[in-house]
Amino acid sequence: MAFRPIRRFGDPVLRTVADPVTVFDDKIAAVVTDLLDTVDAPGHAGVAAPQIGVSVRAFSYNVDGEIGYVLNPEIIELSGEQDGEEGCLSVPGLSFPTPRADHAVVRGVDLRNEPVTVSGSGLMARCLQHETDHLDGIVYVQRLEADKRRDALKRIRATDWFWEG
């Protein structure tokens, strides 16, 4: 299909809880293809369907050469802690220290509605948590402590790409 443009912070689709995938047809296959094409670009670790304007529970990932997708993902395990900068394609050019679990396991399904489990530590764990958040209408800056969130929102509003949507 195609590389899709990324919706930016302020777009209402990013604040909406995505709908579960219930029909496994050519339409959802096209969304998955677009997610995989879009995540294949340099600097893209993950892309959630809402980021390309589609409000369904699907995301793709591209971490350390491991590329894939998950439909209807649920985080089933989190352990450990990691600190570090986190960025988002929907918040371009900015990153903020965001605590996350160091290990994550996500369970979902593939295009045949067959079970899929993806797990990882470090960047993969951060990606799995980050992309699942997008499906719940959460952009990572919402997870920051109040004072850091205020600073992040101030910096976002000062960008030339921000819109109040």
N, C-alpha and C. Protein backbone atom coordinates (compact mmCIF):
# COMPACT_ATOMS: atom_id res chain seq x y z
N MET A 1 0.84 -1.18 0.00
CA MET A 1 0.00 0.00 0.00
C MET A 1 0.88 1.24 0.00
N ALA A 2 1.05 1.90 1.22
CA ALA A 2 1.77 3.16 1.17
C ALA A 2 2.24 3.61 2.54
N PHE A 3 3.28 4.42 2.48
CA PHE A 3 3.72 5.16 3.66
C PHE A 3 2.63 6.19 3.94
N ARG A 4 2.16 6.26 5.18
CA ARG A 4 1.08 7.19 5.52
C ARG A 4 1.63 8.33 6.37
N PRO A 5 1.11 9.56 6.19
CA PRO A 5 1.53 10.66 7.04
C PRO A 5 1.08 10.43 8.48
N ILE A 6 1.87 10.94 9.40
CA ILE A 6 1.61 10.77 10.83
C ILE A 6 0.78 11.94 11.36
N ARG A 7 -0.29 11.60 12.08
CA ARG A 7 -1.10 12.62 12.74
C ARG A 7 -0.31 13.18 13.92
N ARG A 8 -0.47 14.45 14.16
CA ARG A 8 0.30 15.12 15.22
C ARG A 8 -0.54 15.42 16.44
N PHE A 9 0.18 15.59 17.56
CA PHE A 9 -0.45 15.92 18.83
C PHE A 9 -1.44 17.07 18.62
N GLY A 10 -2.63 16.91 19.15
CA GLY A 10 -3.69 17.88 18.94
C GLY A 10 -4.79 17.32 18.06
N ASP A 11 -4.47 16.33 17.24
CA ASP A 11 -5.46 15.69 16.38
C ASP A 11 -6.38 14.83 17.26
N PRO A 12 -7.70 15.01 17.16
CA PRO A 12 -8.63 14.26 18.01
C PRO A 12 -8.50 12.74 17.91
N VAL A 13 -8.08 12.21 16.78
CA VAL A 13 -7.96 10.75 16.65
C VAL A 13 -6.95 10.19 17.66
N LEU A 14 -5.97 11.01 18.06
CA LEU A 14 -4.96 10.55 19.02
C LEU A 14 -5.49 10.52 20.45
N ARG A 15 -6.64 11.16 20.69
CA ARG A 15 -7.23 11.17 22.04
C ARG A 15 -8.39 10.20 22.16
N THR A 16 -8.66 9.44 21.11
CA THR A 16 -9.81 8.55 21.06
C THR A 16 -9.37 7.11 21.29
N VAL A 17 -10.11 6.38 22.12
CA VAL A 17 -9.85 4.96 22.31
C VAL A 17 -10.21 4.25 21.01
N ALA A 18 -9.26 3.49 20.48
CA ALA A 18 -9.46 2.81 19.20
C ALA A 18 -10.40 1.61 19.34
N ASP A 19 -11.11 1.34 18.26
CA ASP A 19 -12.06 0.22 18.23
C ASP A 19 -11.32 -1.10 18.01
N PRO A 20 -11.80 -2.17 18.66
CA PRO A 20 -11.19 -3.48 18.41
C PRO A 20 -11.41 -3.92 16.96
N VAL A 21 -10.49 -4.71 16.47
CA VAL A 21 -10.64 -5.30 15.14
C VAL A 21 -11.57 -6.51 15.31
N THR A 22 -12.67 -6.51 14.59
CA THR A 22 -13.63 -7.61 14.68
C THR A 22 -13.82 -8.31 13.34
N VAL A 23 -13.45 -7.63 12.25
CA VAL A 23 -13.57 -8.20 10.92
C VAL A 23 -12.16 -8.28 10.33
N PHE A 24 -11.78 -9.48 9.93
CA PHE A 24 -10.43 -9.71 9.41
C PHE A 24 -10.53 -9.88 7.89
N ASP A 25 -10.55 -8.72 7.21
CA ASP A 25 -10.78 -8.70 5.76
C ASP A 25 -9.68 -7.91 5.07
N ASP A 26 -9.92 -7.62 3.80
CA ASP A 26 -8.95 -6.86 3.01
C ASP A 26 -8.73 -5.45 3.55
N LYS A 27 -9.76 -4.85 4.16
CA LYS A 27 -9.61 -3.50 4.70
C LYS A 27 -8.60 -3.47 5.83
N ILE A 28 -8.70 -4.40 6.76
CA ILE A 28 -7.74 -4.41 7.88
C ILE A 28 -6.37 -4.85 7.37
N ALA A 29 -6.33 -5.73 6.37
CA ALA A 29 -5.05 -6.11 5.78
C ALA A 29 -4.36 -4.90 5.16
N ALA A 30 -5.12 -4.00 4.53
CA ALA A 30 -4.56 -2.79 3.94
C ALA A 30 -4.02 -1.86 5.02
N VAL A 31 -4.73 -1.77 6.15
CA VAL A 31 -4.24 -0.95 7.27
C VAL A 31 -2.92 -1.52 7.79
N VAL A 32 -2.85 -2.83 7.94
CA VAL A 32 -1.61 -3.46 8.42
C VAL A 32 -0.47 -3.20 7.44
N THR A 33 -0.74 -3.33 6.15
CA THR A 33 0.29 -3.05 5.15
C THR A 33 0.78 -1.61 5.27
N ASP A 34 -0.15 -0.67 5.43
CA ASP A 34 0.24 0.73 5.59
C ASP A 34 1.05 0.94 6.87
N LEU A 35 0.66 0.27 7.95
CA LEU A 35 1.42 0.38 9.21
C LEU A 35 2.84 -0.16 9.02
N LEU A 36 2.97 -1.29 8.35
CA LEU A 36 4.29 -1.88 8.13
C LEU A 36 5.13 -1.01 7.19
N ASP A 37 4.52 -0.46 6.15
CA ASP A 37 5.25 0.44 5.25
C ASP A 37 5.71 1.70 5.98
N THR A 38 4.84 2.22 6.84
CA THR A 38 5.15 3.46 7.55
C THR A 38 6.22 3.25 8.61
N VAL A 39 6.17 2.13 9.33
CA VAL A 39 7.16 1.88 10.38
C VAL A 39 8.53 1.55 9.80
N ASP A 40 8.57 1.21 8.52
CA ASP A 40 9.83 0.85 7.88
C ASP A 40 10.72 2.05 7.59
N ALA A 41 10.21 3.26 7.78
CA ALA A 41 11.00 4.47 7.54
C ALA A 41 12.06 4.63 8.64
N PRO A 42 13.20 5.22 8.32
CA PRO A 42 14.24 5.42 9.33
C PRO A 42 13.72 6.21 10.54
N GLY A 43 14.10 5.78 11.73
CA GLY A 43 13.73 6.47 12.95
C GLY A 43 12.36 6.11 13.49
N HIS A 44 11.67 5.18 12.84
CA HIS A 44 10.34 4.78 13.29
C HIS A 44 10.45 3.44 14.04
N ALA A 45 10.23 3.46 15.36
CA ALA A 45 10.25 2.22 16.15
C ALA A 45 8.87 1.59 16.23
N GLY A 46 7.83 2.40 16.12
CA GLY A 46 6.47 1.88 16.18
C GLY A 46 5.50 2.89 15.62
N VAL A 47 4.40 2.38 15.09
CA VAL A 47 3.33 3.23 14.57
C VAL A 47 2.01 2.57 14.93
N ALA A 48 1.15 3.31 15.60
CA ALA A 48 -0.20 2.83 15.93
C ALA A 48 -1.18 3.34 14.89
N ALA A 49 -2.22 2.56 14.64
CA ALA A 49 -3.21 2.92 13.62
C ALA A 49 -3.77 4.34 13.80
N PRO A 50 -4.08 4.79 15.03
CA PRO A 50 -4.57 6.16 15.14
C PRO A 50 -3.58 7.21 14.63
N GLN A 51 -2.30 6.90 14.67
CA GLN A 51 -1.30 7.85 14.18
C GLN A 51 -1.38 8.04 12.67
N ILE A 52 -1.99 7.08 11.97
CA ILE A 52 -2.19 7.25 10.53
C ILE A 52 -3.66 7.54 10.22
N GLY A 53 -4.41 7.91 11.27
CA GLY A 53 -5.78 8.35 11.10
C GLY A 53 -6.83 7.26 11.10
N VAL A 54 -6.46 6.05 11.53
CA VAL A 54 -7.40 4.93 11.54
C VAL A 54 -7.61 4.50 12.99
N SER A 55 -8.83 4.61 13.47
CA SER A 55 -9.10 4.33 14.88
C SER A 55 -9.44 2.86 15.12
N VAL A 56 -8.45 1.99 14.89
CA VAL A 56 -8.58 0.56 15.21
C VAL A 56 -7.40 0.13 16.05
N ARG A 57 -7.58 -0.95 16.80
CA ARG A 57 -6.56 -1.44 17.72
C ARG A 57 -5.53 -2.27 16.94
N ALA A 58 -4.55 -1.57 16.39
CA ALA A 58 -3.49 -2.20 15.61
C ALA A 58 -2.25 -1.33 15.70
N PHE A 59 -1.09 -1.98 15.78
CA PHE A 59 0.16 -1.24 15.67
C PHE A 59 1.22 -2.09 15.02
N SER A 60 2.23 -1.40 14.49
CA SER A 60 3.40 -2.07 13.93
C SER A 60 4.62 -1.66 14.75
N TYR A 61 5.66 -2.47 14.67
CA TYR A 61 6.89 -2.16 15.39
C TYR A 61 8.09 -2.50 14.52
N ASN A 62 9.20 -1.81 14.79
CA ASN A 62 10.45 -2.00 14.06
C ASN A 62 11.58 -1.67 15.04
N VAL A 63 11.97 -2.67 15.81
CA VAL A 63 12.97 -2.47 16.86
C VAL A 63 14.10 -3.47 16.67
N ASP A 64 15.30 -2.96 16.52
CA ASP A 64 16.49 -3.80 16.37
C ASP A 64 16.32 -4.87 15.29
N GLY A 65 15.75 -4.47 14.16
CA GLY A 65 15.57 -5.38 13.04
C GLY A 65 14.37 -6.30 13.15
N GLU A 66 13.65 -6.26 14.25
CA GLU A 66 12.44 -7.07 14.41
C GLU A 66 11.24 -6.21 13.99
N ILE A 67 10.59 -6.63 12.91
CA ILE A 67 9.46 -5.88 12.35
C ILE A 67 8.22 -6.76 12.42
N GLY A 68 7.12 -6.17 12.84
CA GLY A 68 5.88 -6.93 12.89
C GLY A 68 4.70 -6.04 13.24
N TYR A 69 3.58 -6.69 13.54
CA TYR A 69 2.37 -5.96 13.89
C TYR A 69 1.56 -6.81 14.87
N VAL A 70 0.64 -6.16 15.55
CA VAL A 70 -0.27 -6.84 16.46
C VAL A 70 -1.64 -6.17 16.33
N LEU A 71 -2.67 -6.98 16.24
CA LEU A 71 -4.04 -6.51 16.26
C LEU A 71 -4.63 -6.81 17.63
N ASN A 72 -5.46 -5.92 18.13
CA ASN A 72 -6.11 -6.07 19.44
C ASN A 72 -5.12 -6.41 20.56
N PRO A 73 -4.02 -5.66 20.65
CA PRO A 73 -3.00 -5.98 21.67
C PRO A 73 -3.48 -5.67 23.08
N GLU A 74 -3.02 -6.49 23.99
CA GLU A 74 -3.21 -6.26 25.42
C GLU A 74 -1.87 -6.49 26.09
N ILE A 75 -1.50 -5.60 26.98
CA ILE A 75 -0.29 -5.83 27.77
C ILE A 75 -0.66 -6.84 28.84
N ILE A 76 0.06 -7.96 28.86
CA ILE A 76 -0.25 -9.00 29.83
C ILE A 76 0.82 -9.14 30.91
N GLU A 77 1.96 -8.46 30.70
CA GLU A 77 3.01 -8.54 31.71
C GLU A 77 3.92 -7.32 31.61
N LEU A 78 4.24 -6.75 32.76
CA LEU A 78 5.22 -5.68 32.86
C LEU A 78 6.10 -5.99 34.05
N SER A 79 7.41 -5.75 33.89
CA SER A 79 8.30 -5.94 35.03
C SER A 79 9.51 -5.04 34.90
N GLY A 80 10.15 -4.79 36.03
CA GLY A 80 11.33 -3.95 36.06
C GLY A 80 10.99 -2.50 35.78
N GLU A 81 12.03 -1.68 35.76
CA GLU A 81 11.86 -0.25 35.50
C GLU A 81 12.97 0.24 34.60
N GLN A 82 12.64 1.19 33.77
CA GLN A 82 13.65 1.88 32.97
C GLN A 82 13.30 3.36 32.92
N ASP A 83 14.32 4.16 32.90
CA ASP A 83 14.16 5.60 32.71
C ASP A 83 14.82 5.93 31.39
N GLY A 84 14.49 7.02 30.85
CA GLY A 84 15.13 7.44 29.61
C GLY A 84 14.22 8.33 28.80
N GLU A 85 14.82 8.93 27.80
CA GLU A 85 14.08 9.81 26.90
C GLU A 85 13.14 8.98 26.04
N GLU A 86 11.96 9.52 25.83
CA GLU A 86 11.00 8.89 24.93
C GLU A 86 10.53 9.94 23.96
N GLY A 87 10.39 9.54 22.72
CA GLY A 87 9.88 10.43 21.70
C GLY A 87 8.67 9.81 21.05
N CYS A 88 8.09 10.55 20.12
CA CYS A 88 6.88 10.07 19.45
C CYS A 88 6.79 10.75 18.09
N LEU A 89 6.44 9.97 17.09
CA LEU A 89 6.27 10.55 15.75
C LEU A 89 5.18 11.61 15.73
N SER A 90 4.23 11.52 16.64
CA SER A 90 3.15 12.50 16.72
C SER A 90 3.54 13.75 17.51
N VAL A 91 4.73 13.74 18.08
CA VAL A 91 5.28 14.88 18.81
C VAL A 91 6.70 15.10 18.26
N PRO A 92 6.80 15.45 16.97
CA PRO A 92 8.10 15.47 16.30
C PRO A 92 9.08 16.48 16.88
N GLY A 93 10.33 16.03 16.95
CA GLY A 93 11.41 16.91 17.37
C GLY A 93 11.57 17.08 18.86
N LEU A 94 10.70 16.48 19.65
CA LEU A 94 10.77 16.62 21.11
C LEU A 94 10.84 15.24 21.75
N SER A 95 11.50 15.17 22.88
CA SER A 95 11.51 13.95 23.68
C SER A 95 11.57 14.36 25.14
N PHE A 96 11.06 13.48 25.98
CA PHE A 96 10.99 13.78 27.40
C PHE A 96 11.29 12.51 28.19
N PRO A 97 11.94 12.65 29.36
CA PRO A 97 12.21 11.47 30.19
C PRO A 97 10.90 10.86 30.67
N THR A 98 10.70 9.59 30.32
CA THR A 98 9.45 8.92 30.62
C THR A 98 9.73 7.56 31.24
N PRO A 99 9.36 7.36 32.50
CA PRO A 99 9.58 6.04 33.10
C PRO A 99 8.64 5.00 32.49
N ARG A 100 9.18 3.82 32.27
CA ARG A 100 8.42 2.69 31.71
C ARG A 100 8.91 1.40 32.37
N ALA A 101 8.15 0.35 32.22
CA ALA A 101 8.62 -0.97 32.63
C ALA A 101 9.75 -1.39 31.70
N ASP A 102 10.71 -2.13 32.22
CA ASP A 102 11.86 -2.55 31.41
C ASP A 102 11.56 -3.78 30.58
N HIS A 103 10.54 -4.53 30.95
CA HIS A 103 10.16 -5.73 30.19
C HIS A 103 8.65 -5.70 30.00
N ALA A 104 8.20 -6.01 28.79
CA ALA A 104 6.76 -6.02 28.50
C ALA A 104 6.42 -7.21 27.62
N VAL A 105 5.21 -7.72 27.82
CA VAL A 105 4.67 -8.78 26.98
C VAL A 105 3.29 -8.33 26.52
N VAL A 106 3.08 -8.40 25.20
CA VAL A 106 1.80 -8.03 24.60
C VAL A 106 1.24 -9.27 23.90
N ARG A 107 -0.05 -9.46 24.10
CA ARG A 107 -0.74 -10.56 23.42
C ARG A 107 -1.84 -9.95 22.56
N GLY A 108 -1.98 -10.48 21.35
CA GLY A 108 -3.01 -10.04 20.43
C GLY A 108 -3.24 -11.10 19.39
N VAL A 109 -3.62 -10.67 18.19
CA VAL A 109 -3.85 -11.60 17.09
C VAL A 109 -3.25 -11.04 15.80
N ASP A 110 -3.15 -11.93 14.79
CA ASP A 110 -2.66 -11.53 13.48
C ASP A 110 -3.84 -11.39 12.52
N LEU A 111 -3.57 -11.26 11.24
CA LEU A 111 -4.62 -11.06 10.24
C LEU A 111 -5.53 -12.28 10.05
N ARG A 112 -5.09 -13.44 10.53
CA ARG A 112 -5.92 -14.65 10.46
C ARG A 112 -6.67 -14.87 11.77
N ASN A 113 -6.59 -13.88 12.67
CA ASN A 113 -7.18 -13.96 14.01
C ASN A 113 -6.53 -15.07 14.84
N GLU A 114 -5.27 -15.34 14.55
CA GLU A 114 -4.48 -16.33 15.30
C GLU A 114 -3.71 -15.60 16.39
N PRO A 115 -3.53 -16.23 17.56
CA PRO A 115 -2.81 -15.57 18.66
C PRO A 115 -1.37 -15.20 18.32
N VAL A 116 -0.96 -14.04 18.80
CA VAL A 116 0.39 -13.52 18.63
C VAL A 116 0.85 -12.99 19.99
N THR A 117 2.08 -13.29 20.35
CA THR A 117 2.67 -12.73 21.56
C THR A 117 3.99 -12.08 21.18
N VAL A 118 4.19 -10.85 21.63
CA VAL A 118 5.44 -10.13 21.40
C VAL A 118 5.95 -9.69 22.75
N SER A 119 7.24 -9.93 22.98
CA SER A 119 7.82 -9.51 24.26
C SER A 119 9.19 -8.91 24.01
N GLY A 120 9.63 -8.14 24.98
CA GLY A 120 10.96 -7.57 24.86
C GLY A 120 11.31 -6.72 26.04
N SER A 121 12.57 -6.36 26.08
CA SER A 121 13.10 -5.49 27.14
C SER A 121 13.67 -4.24 26.49
N GLY A 122 13.96 -3.26 27.33
CA GLY A 122 14.56 -2.02 26.83
C GLY A 122 13.67 -1.31 25.83
N LEU A 123 14.23 -1.02 24.65
CA LEU A 123 13.49 -0.27 23.64
C LEU A 123 12.23 -1.00 23.18
N MET A 124 12.30 -2.32 23.04
CA MET A 124 11.10 -3.06 22.61
C MET A 124 10.00 -2.93 23.66
N ALA A 125 10.34 -3.04 24.94
CA ALA A 125 9.34 -2.89 26.00
C ALA A 125 8.74 -1.49 25.96
N ARG A 126 9.57 -0.48 25.77
CA ARG A 126 9.09 0.90 25.68
C ARG A 126 8.14 1.04 24.48
N CYS A 127 8.51 0.48 23.36
CA CYS A 127 7.68 0.54 22.15
C CYS A 127 6.33 -0.12 22.37
N LEU A 128 6.31 -1.31 22.94
CA LEU A 128 5.05 -2.03 23.15
C LEU A 128 4.11 -1.24 24.05
N GLN A 129 4.66 -0.64 25.11
CA GLN A 129 3.84 0.17 26.02
C GLN A 129 3.35 1.44 25.33
N HIS A 130 4.24 2.10 24.61
CA HIS A 130 3.94 3.36 23.94
C HIS A 130 2.83 3.17 22.89
N GLU A 131 2.97 2.15 22.06
CA GLU A 131 1.99 1.93 20.99
C GLU A 131 0.64 1.48 21.56
N THR A 132 0.65 0.67 22.60
CA THR A 132 -0.61 0.27 23.23
C THR A 132 -1.29 1.49 23.84
N ASP A 133 -0.51 2.39 24.44
CA ASP A 133 -1.08 3.64 24.95
C ASP A 133 -1.83 4.40 23.85
N HIS A 134 -1.24 4.49 22.66
CA HIS A 134 -1.90 5.19 21.55
C HIS A 134 -3.29 4.60 21.29
N LEU A 135 -3.42 3.30 21.41
CA LEU A 135 -4.71 2.66 21.14
C LEU A 135 -5.74 2.97 22.22
N ASP A 136 -5.25 3.41 23.37
CA ASP A 136 -6.12 3.81 24.47
C ASP A 136 -6.32 5.32 24.52
N GLY A 137 -5.89 6.02 23.47
CA GLY A 137 -6.07 7.47 23.39
C GLY A 137 -5.09 8.25 24.24
N ILE A 138 -3.94 7.63 24.55
CA ILE A 138 -2.94 8.27 25.41
C ILE A 138 -1.67 8.55 24.60
N VAL A 139 -1.25 9.81 24.60
CA VAL A 139 0.04 10.19 24.05
C VAL A 139 1.00 10.28 25.23
N TYR A 140 2.21 9.80 25.07
CA TYR A 140 3.12 9.59 26.19
C TYR A 140 3.31 10.80 27.11
N VAL A 141 3.17 12.02 26.60
CA VAL A 141 3.35 13.19 27.46
C VAL A 141 2.30 13.22 28.58
N GLN A 142 1.17 12.55 28.36
CA GLN A 142 0.14 12.47 29.39
C GLN A 142 0.60 11.62 30.58
N ARG A 143 1.61 10.82 30.41
CA ARG A 143 2.14 9.97 31.48
C ARG A 143 3.18 10.68 32.35
N LEU A 144 3.60 11.87 31.94
CA LEU A 144 4.62 12.60 32.69
C LEU A 144 4.04 13.15 33.99
N GLU A 145 4.93 13.33 34.97
CA GLU A 145 4.51 13.97 36.21
C GLU A 145 4.01 15.38 35.89
N ALA A 146 3.14 15.92 36.74
CA ALA A 146 2.43 17.17 36.45
C ALA A 146 3.35 18.32 36.00
N ASP A 147 4.44 18.57 36.73
CA ASP A 147 5.31 19.69 36.36
C ASP A 147 6.03 19.44 35.04
N LYS A 148 6.44 18.19 34.80
CA LYS A 148 7.09 17.86 33.54
C LYS A 148 6.10 17.88 32.39
N ARG A 149 4.85 17.48 32.65
CA ARG A 149 3.82 17.53 31.63
C ARG A 149 3.51 18.97 31.24
N ARG A 150 3.43 19.87 32.23
CA ARG A 150 3.19 21.29 31.91
C ARG A 150 4.30 21.84 31.02
N ASP A 151 5.54 21.52 31.36
CA ASP A 151 6.68 21.97 30.55
C ASP A 151 6.60 21.38 29.15
N ALA A 152 6.28 20.09 29.05
CA ALA A 152 6.19 19.43 27.74
C ALA A 152 5.10 20.08 26.89
N LEU A 153 3.93 20.33 27.49
CA LEU A 153 2.83 20.94 26.74
C LEU A 153 3.18 22.35 26.29
N LYS A 154 3.89 23.08 27.13
CA LYS A 154 4.34 24.43 26.75
C LYS A 154 5.28 24.35 25.55
N ARG A 155 6.20 23.41 25.58
CA ARG A 155 7.14 23.24 24.46
C ARG A 155 6.42 22.79 23.19
N ILE A 156 5.41 21.93 23.34
CA ILE A 156 4.63 21.47 22.19
C ILE A 156 3.88 22.64 21.57
N ARG A 157 3.21 23.44 22.40
CA ARG A 157 2.45 24.58 21.89
C ARG A 157 3.34 25.59 21.17
N ALA A 158 4.62 25.62 21.51
CA ALA A 158 5.55 26.58 20.89
C ALA A 158 6.08 26.09 19.54
N THR A 159 5.78 24.85 19.16
CA THR A 159 6.29 24.34 17.88
C THR A 159 5.49 24.91 16.72
N ASP A 160 6.07 24.83 15.54
CA ASP A 160 5.36 25.32 14.36
C ASP A 160 4.38 24.29 13.79
N TRP A 161 4.39 23.07 14.31
CA TRP A 161 3.49 22.04 13.79
C TRP A 161 2.25 21.83 14.66
N PHE A 162 2.22 22.37 15.87
CA PHE A 162 1.11 22.12 16.78
C PHE A 162 -0.15 22.81 16.30
N TRP A 163 -1.26 22.12 16.44
CA TRP A 163 -2.56 22.71 16.15
C TRP A 163 -3.53 22.28 17.23
N GLU A 164 -4.53 23.07 17.47
CA GLU A 164 -5.47 22.83 18.56
C GLU A 164 -6.62 21.91 18.17
N GLY A 165 -6.66 21.39 16.96
CA GLY A 165 -7.64 20.45 16.44
C GLY A 165 -8.94 20.31 17.06
